[in-house]
């Protein structure tokens, strides 16, 4: 049953991404397409997996312009976060995503950005170019852990890009926290429980008046509050 559900979700993802890829051909790279496309993707994927989300802090998630950060555990994040993804916000992902047939093409076609994390100067330049986009009333989403946290507990060390960007743009930083999934998904034992998974958006972190010397302090403040939220949210998971 585990493999059947995963197979059906993969088929749904291919169908959904293909559909929105076709739509994006008429407006390639349009950032307005990302939110409705990922919400559509999430709707079917979560139904097939028997997962639901509860959402706290919706008003905070609508803060624009902004830089958005979130924790990153597995491919389930795309479905879970996608179900509450705010309008006019697009993610930045690693360059390799763009090479994935259909799914990667959808990602780019619907306005997401790609970054080459192996080249620090190039990555920094791409982030800096997003400031004009942000000031036009949009948001950029970044996973500061940089890679999946396969342990499902706590947070991996943060990279500083999102915090540099928020301070340079002088816009709020919005943190999305998805509950730890260790109670829900057990990849080694091939089990995936049906559950309601809470997601919380923390109150915006202001960057007004902050400078580059404040990056470390801002990053540590955000990380601490996200870790505290993870503990809260794990206790709120409802298995079905």
Foldseek 3Di string as FASTA:
>chain_A
DLVVLVVVLVVLLLVLLQVLLVVLVVPFQAQQQPLVSLLSSLVVSCVSLQEAEDEADLVQQQDALEEEEEAAADPVCSNHCSNSHDGQEAEEEEPVLCVDPSRNSSNRRNNHHYAHVVDPVRRLVVLQVCLVVRVVIHYYYYHQLRDHPNVLAAGHDGDQSSLQSCLVSQGWYKYKYKARCPVADDVVVSGGFNKYTYIYIDHTDGNVPPDPVCSVVVVVVVSVVNNVVNVVRNVVMGTD
